[in-house]
């Protein structure tokens, strides 16, 4: 999940993100005095595009005889039409099942037998599959990846069993989880009328009624080499890798009409915020004390103001030293047990939100009033030169710590290529972060964090059903 977009947002958006994953670790380094704009990661990436459109990105790392393999497909929840929501996520599950040449679960067993691990996740914007394996097994794993790209069978019995698994997953994440209820309603309200106005898992009725034929059609349309980016990081040289990939993938035909589809999915008209704000929503749930989210329409990945909002989110809602934590959690008269903030930038739109849980016997209406009062003054009170510089240091730490492994590098490079169309997109990110001043962050805060543009949602067992 984390899987997004700018460094700061990647970390902070995880609180209420409930996309699917078929495990994440966090390491820490300390380089507080570097200027973000002066960083040269010196990523010696080799790129090749096959005649069928498959993009290959390679970064050699000979420290250990292992490799990480990531495959990014340009298909996600936003690619679905009404009535077939959840298709992308459901298909992700099925990609580990039977293919023309191999039985169900064969892919996972081979990786496990070789001492590796594999996983996958679906977002609104893409679907990503990844493996961490010994380099000696790379040839076989690439053969299996190519096989499931071209020859997935979607057996009827396995399809119906997995349907139930997905429906149970939806219940676990949303219906039976207060935080999930909160997140899902926030997405539906903020992104109403847009492809982001729901969940990656899809509506339960759509998952229940999705046919195998519809999924096959979806698979053949989007699982094409010219709709994928293959990233390999580890102990193998480029010539050998490119030859290996060509032999496995080269004969798979490219998909037709994908350029037109991608343009349609990126049409700005489809993603304009339509929510009627301000708005207050109360949900009945099993939360003993109220949980809340306060959300504001934000920006798509790559927008300059969005980077300022990333910094703002960390200043006001990241850790015990954050502004809102001091005001509401560790103050002399605390109102909350926890609070956080995030700027969630998707590829075509975004949302900024504050979320947390109230302590027992704290008035929800009283807290809502207090939060609105803080929001009104927060831009001037929380944003200082010191807090902005501290956040830039944190961004630098997150960047370095995320690139300590082959897996982290492969994910990073693939996300840069996917979201910006350029694996060097991070250079622009760092330049923008470095240039941001307290004055600019304040200005951006006042532009977007406005009570008159807010959605306040709470979930509590005392709310009416």
Protein backbone atom coordinates (compact mmCIF):
# COMPACT_ATOMS: atom_id res chain seq x y z
CA UNK A 1 0.00 0.00 0.00
CA UNK A 2 1.99 2.33 0.27
CA UNK A 3 2.34 2.32 -3.00
CA UNK A 4 1.81 5.78 -4.37
CA UNK A 5 3.35 8.43 -5.05
CA UNK A 6 5.42 10.98 -3.18
CA UNK A 7 7.77 9.87 -0.39
CA UNK A 8 5.89 11.64 2.41
CA UNK A 9 2.47 10.59 1.19
CA UNK A 10 3.54 6.97 0.73
CA UNK A 11 4.20 6.67 4.44
CA UNK A 12 1.37 8.76 5.87
CA UNK A 13 -1.50 7.48 3.75
CA UNK A 14 -1.32 3.99 5.22
CA UNK A 15 -3.51 4.72 8.25
CA UNK A 16 -6.86 4.32 6.55
CA UNK A 17 -5.76 2.68 3.30
CA UNK A 18 -7.56 -0.61 2.79
CA UNK A 19 -6.40 -1.74 -0.63
CA UNK A 20 -5.70 -5.43 -0.97
CA UNK A 21 -2.41 -7.18 -0.41
CA UNK A 22 -2.09 -10.99 -1.48
CA UNK A 23 3.73 -6.93 4.67
CA UNK A 24 5.79 -4.22 4.91
CA UNK A 25 8.81 -3.45 6.98
CA UNK A 26 10.17 -0.09 7.95
CA UNK A 27 13.85 0.64 8.49
CA UNK A 28 15.46 3.87 9.62
CA UNK A 29 18.59 5.73 8.63
CA UNK A 30 19.64 9.18 9.73
CA UNK A 31 20.86 11.85 7.32
CA UNK A 32 19.31 15.04 8.70
CA UNK A 33 21.56 17.68 7.18
CA UNK A 34 21.39 16.85 3.51
CA UNK A 35 19.71 19.30 1.15
CA UNK A 36 16.97 17.41 -0.67
CA UNK A 37 17.69 19.14 -3.96
CA UNK A 38 21.37 18.12 -3.82
CA UNK A 39 20.76 14.40 -3.48
CA UNK A 40 21.98 12.22 -6.33
CA UNK A 41 20.89 8.65 -5.70
CA UNK A 42 22.98 7.59 -8.68
CA UNK A 43 20.53 4.90 -9.68
CA UNK A 44 22.11 3.33 -12.75
CA UNK A 45 18.95 2.05 -14.34
CA UNK A 46 18.93 0.31 -17.71
CA UNK A 47 15.73 0.43 -19.71
CA UNK A 48 14.49 -1.61 -22.65
CA UNK A 49 11.13 -1.78 -24.40
CA UNK A 50 10.32 -4.98 -26.29
CA UNK A 51 8.61 -4.90 -29.67
CA UNK A 52 5.33 -5.95 -27.98
CA UNK A 53 5.50 -2.92 -25.69
CA UNK A 54 6.75 -4.51 -22.45
CA UNK A 55 8.91 -2.00 -20.56
CA UNK A 56 11.84 -3.47 -18.61
CA UNK A 57 13.74 -1.51 -15.96
CA UNK A 58 16.88 -3.05 -14.48
CA UNK A 59 19.17 -2.03 -11.64
CA UNK A 60 22.17 -4.23 -10.90
CA UNK A 61 23.11 -4.94 -7.27
CA UNK A 62 25.78 -7.59 -6.68
CA UNK A 63 25.84 -7.44 -2.88
CA UNK A 64 23.89 -10.69 -2.54
CA UNK A 65 22.86 -13.45 -5.02
CA UNK A 66 19.19 -12.41 -4.90
CA UNK A 67 16.79 -10.42 -7.06
CA UNK A 68 13.47 -8.63 -6.63
CA UNK A 69 10.99 -8.74 -9.49
CA UNK A 70 8.07 -6.30 -9.69
CA UNK A 71 5.42 -6.21 -12.40
CA UNK A 72 3.23 -3.09 -12.57
CA UNK A 73 0.01 -3.34 -14.60
CA UNK A 74 -1.78 -0.16 -15.59
CA UNK A 75 -5.16 -1.37 -14.40
CA UNK A 76 -6.88 -0.68 -11.08
CA UNK A 77 -10.18 0.13 -9.48
CA UNK A 78 -10.57 3.25 -11.62
CA UNK A 79 -10.49 1.07 -14.76
CA UNK A 80 -13.82 -0.56 -13.91
CA UNK A 81 -17.28 0.40 -15.08
CA UNK A 82 -20.49 0.40 -13.05
CA UNK A 83 -21.66 -3.11 -12.25
CA UNK A 84 -18.24 -4.74 -12.40
CA UNK A 85 -16.43 -2.94 -9.56
CA UNK A 86 -13.88 -5.14 -7.81
CA UNK A 87 -12.90 -6.95 -11.03
CA UNK A 88 -9.25 -5.88 -10.80
CA UNK A 89 -8.84 -7.03 -7.22
CA UNK A 90 -10.73 -10.31 -7.81
CA UNK A 91 -8.50 -10.98 -10.83
CA UNK A 92 -5.41 -10.35 -8.70
CA UNK A 93 -6.50 -13.27 -6.51
CA UNK A 94 -7.06 -15.49 -9.54
CA UNK A 95 -3.60 -14.78 -10.96
CA UNK A 96 -2.22 -17.29 -8.43
CA UNK A 97 -4.49 -20.06 -9.76
CA UNK A 98 -4.31 -22.49 -12.68
CA UNK A 99 -2.72 -21.61 -16.01
CA UNK A 100 -2.58 -23.59 -19.24
CA UNK A 101 0.67 -25.29 -18.21
CA UNK A 102 0.53 -25.37 -14.40
CA UNK A 103 -1.96 -26.27 -11.67
CA UNK A 104 -3.35 -23.82 -9.13
CA UNK A 105 -0.89 -22.52 -6.52
CA UNK A 106 2.07 -23.88 -8.56
CA UNK A 107 3.54 -20.38 -8.87
CA UNK A 108 3.59 -19.80 -5.11
CA UNK A 109 4.93 -23.29 -4.36
CA UNK A 110 7.88 -22.90 -6.73
CA UNK A 111 8.84 -19.58 -5.14
CA UNK A 112 8.49 -21.04 -1.65
CA UNK A 113 10.55 -24.11 -2.59
CA UNK A 114 13.30 -21.80 -3.81
CA UNK A 115 13.34 -19.94 -0.49
CA UNK A 116 11.70 -16.82 -1.87
CA UNK A 117 8.46 -14.97 -1.24
CA UNK A 118 5.80 -13.41 -3.42
CA UNK A 119 2.82 -11.14 -3.01
CA UNK A 120 0.56 -8.71 -4.85
CA UNK A 121 -1.62 -5.69 -4.25
CA UNK A 122 -4.34 -3.78 -6.03
CA UNK A 123 -4.97 -0.02 -5.83
CA UNK A 124 -7.36 2.31 -7.59
CA UNK A 125 -4.60 3.05 -10.11
CA UNK A 126 -2.68 -0.18 -10.68
CA UNK A 127 -2.07 -3.81 -9.84
CA UNK A 128 1.39 -4.94 -8.75
CA UNK A 129 2.92 -8.41 -8.39
CA UNK A 130 6.30 -8.96 -6.77
CA UNK A 131 8.79 -11.68 -5.84
CA UNK A 132 12.02 -11.78 -3.85
CA UNK A 133 14.04 -14.81 -4.94
CA UNK A 134 17.53 -16.30 -5.30
CA UNK A 135 19.02 -15.24 -8.62
CA UNK A 136 19.38 -18.90 -9.68
CA UNK A 137 15.60 -19.21 -9.84
CA UNK A 138 15.02 -16.02 -11.87
CA UNK A 139 14.79 -17.81 -15.23
CA UNK A 140 12.07 -20.13 -13.96
CA UNK A 141 10.14 -17.35 -12.21
CA UNK A 142 10.12 -15.18 -15.32
CA UNK A 143 8.75 -18.16 -17.26
CA UNK A 144 5.95 -18.49 -14.71
CA UNK A 145 5.21 -14.74 -14.82
CA UNK A 146 4.98 -14.84 -18.61
CA UNK A 147 2.79 -17.92 -18.42
CA UNK A 148 0.22 -16.33 -16.12
CA UNK A 149 0.30 -13.13 -18.18
CA UNK A 150 -0.79 -15.04 -21.28
CA UNK A 151 -2.46 -18.30 -20.23
CA UNK A 152 -4.56 -17.86 -17.09
CA UNK A 153 -7.45 -20.36 -17.18
CA UNK A 154 -9.92 -19.10 -14.55
CA UNK A 155 -11.29 -22.52 -13.65
CA UNK A 156 -14.96 -22.32 -12.72
CA UNK A 157 -14.66 -24.10 -9.35
CA UNK A 158 -11.65 -22.04 -8.26
CA UNK A 159 -13.39 -18.90 -9.49
CA UNK A 160 -16.44 -19.51 -7.30
CA UNK A 161 -14.32 -20.40 -4.24
CA UNK A 162 -12.27 -17.23 -4.62
CA UNK A 163 -15.45 -15.16 -4.98
CA UNK A 164 -16.36 -16.17 -1.44
CA UNK A 165 -12.84 -15.35 -0.23
CA UNK A 166 -13.13 -11.85 -1.70
CA UNK A 167 -16.58 -11.30 -0.19
CA UNK A 168 -15.27 -12.36 3.23
CA UNK A 169 -12.32 -10.02 2.79
CA UNK A 170 -14.72 -7.17 2.09
CA UNK A 171 -16.67 -7.93 5.26
CA UNK A 172 -13.48 -8.06 7.29
CA UNK A 173 -12.15 -4.79 5.92
CA UNK A 174 -15.33 -2.74 5.75
CA UNK A 175 -18.61 -4.08 7.11
CA UNK A 176 -17.12 -5.56 10.30
CA UNK A 177 -14.44 -2.96 10.97
CA UNK A 178 -15.20 0.54 12.20
CA UNK A 179 -12.08 2.02 10.59
CA UNK A 180 -13.01 0.39 7.32
CA UNK A 181 -16.55 1.77 7.48
CA UNK A 182 -15.08 5.20 8.05
CA UNK A 183 -12.59 4.99 5.20
CA UNK A 184 -15.07 3.58 2.69
CA UNK A 185 -17.69 6.24 3.41
CA UNK A 186 -15.05 8.96 3.19
CA UNK A 187 -13.98 7.73 -0.27
CA UNK A 188 -17.59 7.53 -1.44
CA UNK A 189 -18.39 11.03 -0.20
CA UNK A 190 -15.23 12.90 -1.26
CA UNK A 191 -14.99 11.16 -4.64
CA UNK A 192 -18.71 10.89 -5.35
CA UNK A 193 -19.42 10.63 -9.07
CA UNK A 194 -15.80 9.72 -9.90
CA UNK A 195 -13.97 6.39 -10.46
CA UNK A 196 -12.42 6.72 -6.98
CA UNK A 197 -15.77 6.86 -5.18
CA UNK A 198 -15.79 3.43 -3.60
CA UNK A 199 -13.38 0.66 -2.67
CA UNK A 200 -10.79 -1.35 -4.57
CA UNK A 201 -12.53 -4.54 -3.44
CA UNK A 202 -15.71 -3.28 -5.11
CA UNK A 203 -19.37 -3.31 -4.20
CA UNK A 204 -20.50 -6.61 -2.67
CA UNK A 205 -23.31 -7.00 -5.19
CA UNK A 206 -20.89 -6.55 -8.09
CA UNK A 207 -18.47 -9.14 -6.72
CA UNK A 208 -21.37 -11.51 -6.12
CA UNK A 209 -22.62 -11.19 -9.69
CA UNK A 210 -19.37 -10.92 -11.65
CA UNK A 211 -19.23 -13.68 -14.27
CA UNK A 212 -16.20 -15.69 -15.27
CA UNK A 213 -16.67 -14.55 -18.89
CA UNK A 214 -16.58 -10.90 -17.82
CA UNK A 215 -13.37 -11.48 -15.90
CA UNK A 216 -11.77 -13.27 -18.84
CA UNK A 217 -12.66 -10.32 -21.02
CA UNK A 218 -11.12 -7.97 -18.45
CA UNK A 219 -8.00 -10.13 -18.21
CA UNK A 220 -7.43 -10.31 -21.97
CA UNK A 221 -7.96 -6.57 -22.32
CA UNK A 222 -5.59 -5.33 -19.61
CA UNK A 223 -3.06 -8.10 -18.95
CA UNK A 224 -0.96 -7.34 -22.01
CA UNK A 225 2.79 -6.67 -22.27
CA UNK A 226 2.24 -3.11 -23.49
CA UNK A 227 0.24 -2.44 -20.33
CA UNK A 228 3.03 -3.57 -17.99
CA UNK A 229 6.34 -2.44 -16.54
CA UNK A 230 8.73 -5.17 -15.37
CA UNK A 231 11.31 -4.05 -12.78
CA UNK A 232 14.21 -6.29 -11.78
CA UNK A 233 16.77 -5.31 -9.12
CA UNK A 234 19.62 -7.56 -8.02
CA UNK A 235 22.55 -9.74 -8.96
CA UNK A 236 22.19 -10.02 -12.72
CA UNK A 237 23.62 -7.96 -15.58
CA UNK A 238 21.40 -6.16 -18.07
CA UNK A 239 22.32 -8.07 -21.21
CA UNK A 240 21.57 -11.40 -19.58
CA UNK A 241 18.32 -10.13 -18.08
CA UNK A 242 17.05 -8.54 -21.29
CA UNK A 243 17.82 -11.72 -23.24
CA UNK A 244 16.02 -13.79 -20.61
CA UNK A 245 12.94 -11.56 -20.66
CA UNK A 246 12.85 -11.46 -24.47
CA UNK A 247 12.82 -15.26 -24.59
CA UNK A 248 9.94 -15.51 -22.11
CA UNK A 249 7.76 -12.54 -23.06
CA UNK A 250 8.78 -11.62 -26.60
CA UNK A 251 6.15 -13.71 -28.41
CA UNK A 252 3.21 -12.57 -26.28
CA UNK A 253 1.08 -10.28 -28.50
CA UNK A 254 0.52 -6.67 -27.50
CA UNK A 255 -2.97 -5.50 -26.54
CA UNK A 256 -5.01 -3.41 -28.94
CA UNK A 257 -6.69 -0.14 -28.03
CA UNK A 258 -4.88 0.30 -24.71
CA UNK A 259 -3.58 3.80 -25.50
CA UNK A 260 -7.12 5.03 -26.09
CA UNK A 261 -8.32 3.33 -22.90
CA UNK A 262 -5.54 4.90 -20.84
CA UNK A 263 -6.39 8.34 -22.17
CA UNK A 264 -10.02 7.79 -21.27
CA UNK A 265 -9.14 6.65 -17.74
CA UNK A 266 -7.03 9.79 -17.30
CA UNK A 267 -9.69 12.19 -18.56
CA UNK A 268 -9.71 15.07 -15.99
CA UNK A 269 -13.45 15.52 -16.48
CA UNK A 270 -14.05 12.13 -14.85
CA UNK A 271 -12.17 13.07 -11.69
CA UNK A 272 -13.44 16.54 -10.83
CA UNK A 273 -14.52 16.78 -7.19
CA UNK A 274 -18.32 16.85 -7.03
CA UNK A 275 -18.92 16.51 -3.28
CA UNK A 276 -21.34 19.04 -1.77
CA UNK A 277 -19.41 20.41 1.20
CA UNK A 278 -19.37 21.07 4.08
CA UNK A 279 -21.10 17.88 5.19
CA UNK A 280 -21.42 15.82 8.40
CA UNK A 281 -22.09 12.07 8.34
CA UNK A 282 -22.79 9.81 11.33
CA UNK A 283 -22.42 6.03 10.89
CA UNK A 284 -23.57 3.27 13.21
CA UNK A 285 -20.74 0.84 13.95
CA UNK A 286 -19.25 -1.30 16.69
CA UNK A 287 -16.78 1.32 17.87
CA UNK A 288 -17.17 1.70 21.65
CA UNK A 289 -15.94 5.29 21.47
CA UNK A 290 -16.32 7.48 18.40
CA UNK A 291 -13.81 7.31 15.55
CA UNK A 292 -13.71 10.18 13.07
CA UNK A 293 -12.29 11.45 9.82
CA UNK A 294 -12.24 15.04 8.62
CA UNK A 295 -11.50 15.18 4.90
CA UNK A 296 -10.82 17.86 2.29
CA UNK A 297 -10.57 17.55 -1.51
CA UNK A 298 -6.93 17.50 -2.55
CA UNK A 299 -4.73 17.00 -5.62
CA UNK A 300 -3.47 14.25 -7.87
CA UNK A 301 0.09 12.93 -7.62
CA UNK A 302 2.76 15.27 -8.95
CA UNK A 303 1.07 18.63 -8.30
CA UNK A 304 3.33 21.15 -6.57
CA UNK A 305 0.71 22.10 -3.99
CA UNK A 306 0.35 18.41 -3.20
CA UNK A 307 3.96 18.23 -2.00
CA UNK A 308 3.24 21.14 0.35
CA UNK A 309 0.21 19.23 1.64
CA UNK A 310 2.42 16.18 2.22
CA UNK A 311 4.61 18.31 4.48
CA UNK A 312 1.58 19.81 6.21
CA UNK A 313 0.14 16.35 6.94
CA UNK A 314 3.33 15.27 8.67
CA UNK A 315 3.60 18.51 10.65
CA UNK A 316 0.09 18.29 12.05
CA UNK A 317 -0.43 14.53 12.31
CA UNK A 318 2.71 12.38 12.25
CA UNK A 319 3.91 11.11 15.62
CA UNK A 320 3.70 12.32 19.22
CA UNK A 321 5.47 15.59 18.41
CA UNK A 322 2.94 16.58 15.74
CA UNK A 323 0.77 19.63 16.30
CA UNK A 324 -2.59 17.84 16.61
CA UNK A 325 -1.15 15.14 18.85
CA UNK A 326 0.07 17.79 21.27
CA UNK A 327 -3.31 19.53 21.17
CA UNK A 328 -5.59 16.51 21.55
CA UNK A 329 -3.65 13.40 22.64
CA UNK A 330 -0.80 14.34 24.97
CA UNK A 331 -2.21 17.62 26.26
CA UNK A 332 -3.13 18.26 29.89
CA UNK A 333 -6.77 17.60 29.03
CA UNK A 334 -6.62 14.99 26.25
CA UNK A 335 -9.66 14.34 24.09
CA UNK A 336 -8.27 11.63 21.81
CA UNK A 337 -6.44 8.33 22.16
CA UNK A 338 -4.86 8.82 18.73
CA UNK A 339 -4.77 11.16 15.76
CA UNK A 340 -3.01 11.31 12.40
CA UNK A 341 -3.18 13.12 9.08
CA UNK A 342 -2.38 12.20 5.49
CA UNK A 343 -2.41 13.65 2.01
CA UNK A 344 -3.55 10.74 -0.16
CA UNK A 345 -2.59 11.53 -3.75
CA UNK A 346 -3.94 9.16 -6.37
CA UNK A 347 -2.92 9.34 -10.01
CA UNK A 348 -5.87 11.53 -11.03
CA UNK A 349 -7.14 13.12 -7.82
CA UNK A 350 -6.60 13.24 -4.06
CA UNK A 351 -7.88 13.77 -0.54
CA UNK A 352 -6.35 15.27 2.60
CA UNK A 353 -7.67 13.87 5.86
CA UNK A 354 -7.32 13.93 9.61
CA UNK A 355 -8.45 10.88 11.57
CA UNK A 356 -8.49 9.56 15.10
CA UNK A 357 -10.37 8.06 18.05
CA UNK A 358 -12.01 9.84 20.98
CA UNK A 359 -11.38 8.93 24.59
CA UNK A 360 -14.27 7.61 26.68
CA UNK A 361 -16.75 10.22 27.87
CA UNK A 362 -15.46 12.92 25.53
CA UNK A 363 -18.31 14.71 23.78
CA UNK A 364 -18.24 14.10 20.04
CA UNK A 365 -20.00 17.37 19.23
CA UNK A 366 -17.70 19.24 21.62
CA UNK A 367 -14.62 17.69 20.01
CA UNK A 368 -15.91 18.46 16.52
CA UNK A 369 -16.24 22.10 17.51
CA UNK A 370 -12.69 22.07 18.96
CA UNK A 371 -11.27 20.49 15.82
CA UNK A 372 -12.93 23.03 13.57
CA UNK A 373 -11.50 25.80 15.71
CA UNK A 374 -8.02 24.29 15.38
CA UNK A 375 -8.40 23.80 11.64
CA UNK A 376 -9.29 27.47 11.29
CA UNK A 377 -6.02 28.50 12.94
CA UNK A 378 -3.77 25.56 12.12
CA UNK A 379 -2.03 27.01 9.08
CA UNK A 380 -0.54 29.88 11.05
CA UNK A 381 -0.06 28.07 14.36
CA UNK A 382 1.46 24.76 13.23
CA UNK A 383 3.59 25.70 10.22
CA UNK A 384 6.95 27.21 11.10
CA UNK A 385 10.37 27.21 9.45
CA UNK A 386 11.50 24.73 12.09
CA UNK A 387 8.57 22.33 11.57
CA UNK A 388 8.99 22.45 7.79
CA UNK A 389 12.74 21.74 7.99
CA UNK A 390 12.15 18.90 10.45
CA UNK A 391 9.68 17.35 8.02
CA UNK A 392 12.11 17.64 5.14
CA UNK A 393 14.65 15.76 7.25
CA UNK A 394 12.06 13.04 7.89
CA UNK A 395 11.36 12.77 4.17
CA UNK A 396 15.05 12.26 3.55
CA UNK A 397 15.22 9.54 6.20
CA UNK A 398 12.21 7.78 4.65
CA UNK A 399 13.80 7.97 1.21
CA UNK A 400 17.09 6.43 2.28
CA UNK A 401 15.53 3.76 4.50
CA UNK A 402 13.20 2.68 1.71
CA UNK A 403 16.08 2.07 -0.67
CA UNK A 404 18.18 -0.22 1.50
CA UNK A 405 16.93 -3.43 -0.12
CA UNK A 406 16.38 -4.77 -3.64
CA UNK A 407 12.69 -4.95 -2.85
CA UNK A 408 12.54 -1.30 -1.77
CA UNK A 409 14.47 -0.18 -4.84
CA UNK A 410 12.29 -2.15 -7.24
CA UNK A 411 9.10 -0.79 -5.70
CA UNK A 412 10.47 2.77 -5.73
CA UNK A 413 11.65 2.66 -9.35
CA UNK A 414 8.41 1.06 -10.55
CA UNK A 415 6.23 3.60 -8.78
CA UNK A 416 8.21 6.49 -10.22
CA UNK A 417 7.84 5.05 -13.72
CA UNK A 418 4.15 4.32 -13.26
CA UNK A 419 3.01 7.57 -11.70
CA UNK A 420 5.30 9.99 -13.52
CA UNK A 421 6.17 8.08 -16.69
CA UNK A 422 9.84 8.45 -15.72
CA UNK A 423 11.90 6.43 -13.25
CA UNK A 424 13.83 9.64 -12.52
CA UNK A 425 10.67 11.43 -11.39
CA UNK A 426 11.99 11.52 -7.84
CA UNK A 427 14.49 14.21 -8.85
CA UNK A 428 11.65 16.66 -9.46
CA UNK A 429 10.01 15.59 -6.18
CA UNK A 430 13.15 16.34 -4.25
CA UNK A 431 13.61 19.69 -5.94
CA UNK A 432 10.06 20.71 -5.04
CA UNK A 433 10.32 19.52 -1.44
CA UNK A 434 13.63 21.36 -1.06
CA UNK A 435 12.18 24.61 -2.41
CA UNK A 436 9.13 24.64 -0.12
CA UNK A 437 9.20 27.35 2.54
CA UNK A 438 7.02 27.79 5.60
CA UNK A 439 5.30 30.65 3.78
CA UNK A 440 4.44 28.39 0.82
CA UNK A 441 3.16 25.60 3.07
CA UNK A 442 1.00 28.10 4.98
CA UNK A 443 -0.38 29.51 1.76
CA UNK A 444 -1.23 26.02 0.48
CA UNK A 445 -2.77 25.07 3.81
CA UNK A 446 -5.12 28.06 3.72
CA UNK A 447 -6.07 27.23 0.15
CA UNK A 448 -7.19 23.64 0.83
CA UNK A 449 -7.73 23.13 4.58
CA UNK A 450 -10.96 25.05 4.97
CA UNK A 451 -13.93 24.15 7.20
CA UNK A 452 -16.27 25.23 4.41
CA UNK A 453 -14.79 22.49 2.18
CA UNK A 454 -14.74 19.75 4.80
CA UNK A 455 -16.40 16.38 5.29
CA UNK A 456 -16.70 15.20 8.90
CA UNK A 457 -17.56 11.52 9.39
CA UNK A 458 -17.83 9.63 12.65
CA UNK A 459 -18.60 5.99 13.42
CA UNK A 460 -19.93 4.93 16.83
CA UNK A 461 -22.19 2.27 18.29
CA UNK A 462 -24.43 5.01 19.74
CA UNK A 463 -25.22 6.48 16.33
CA UNK A 464 -28.55 5.39 14.91
CA UNK A 465 -28.60 2.54 12.42
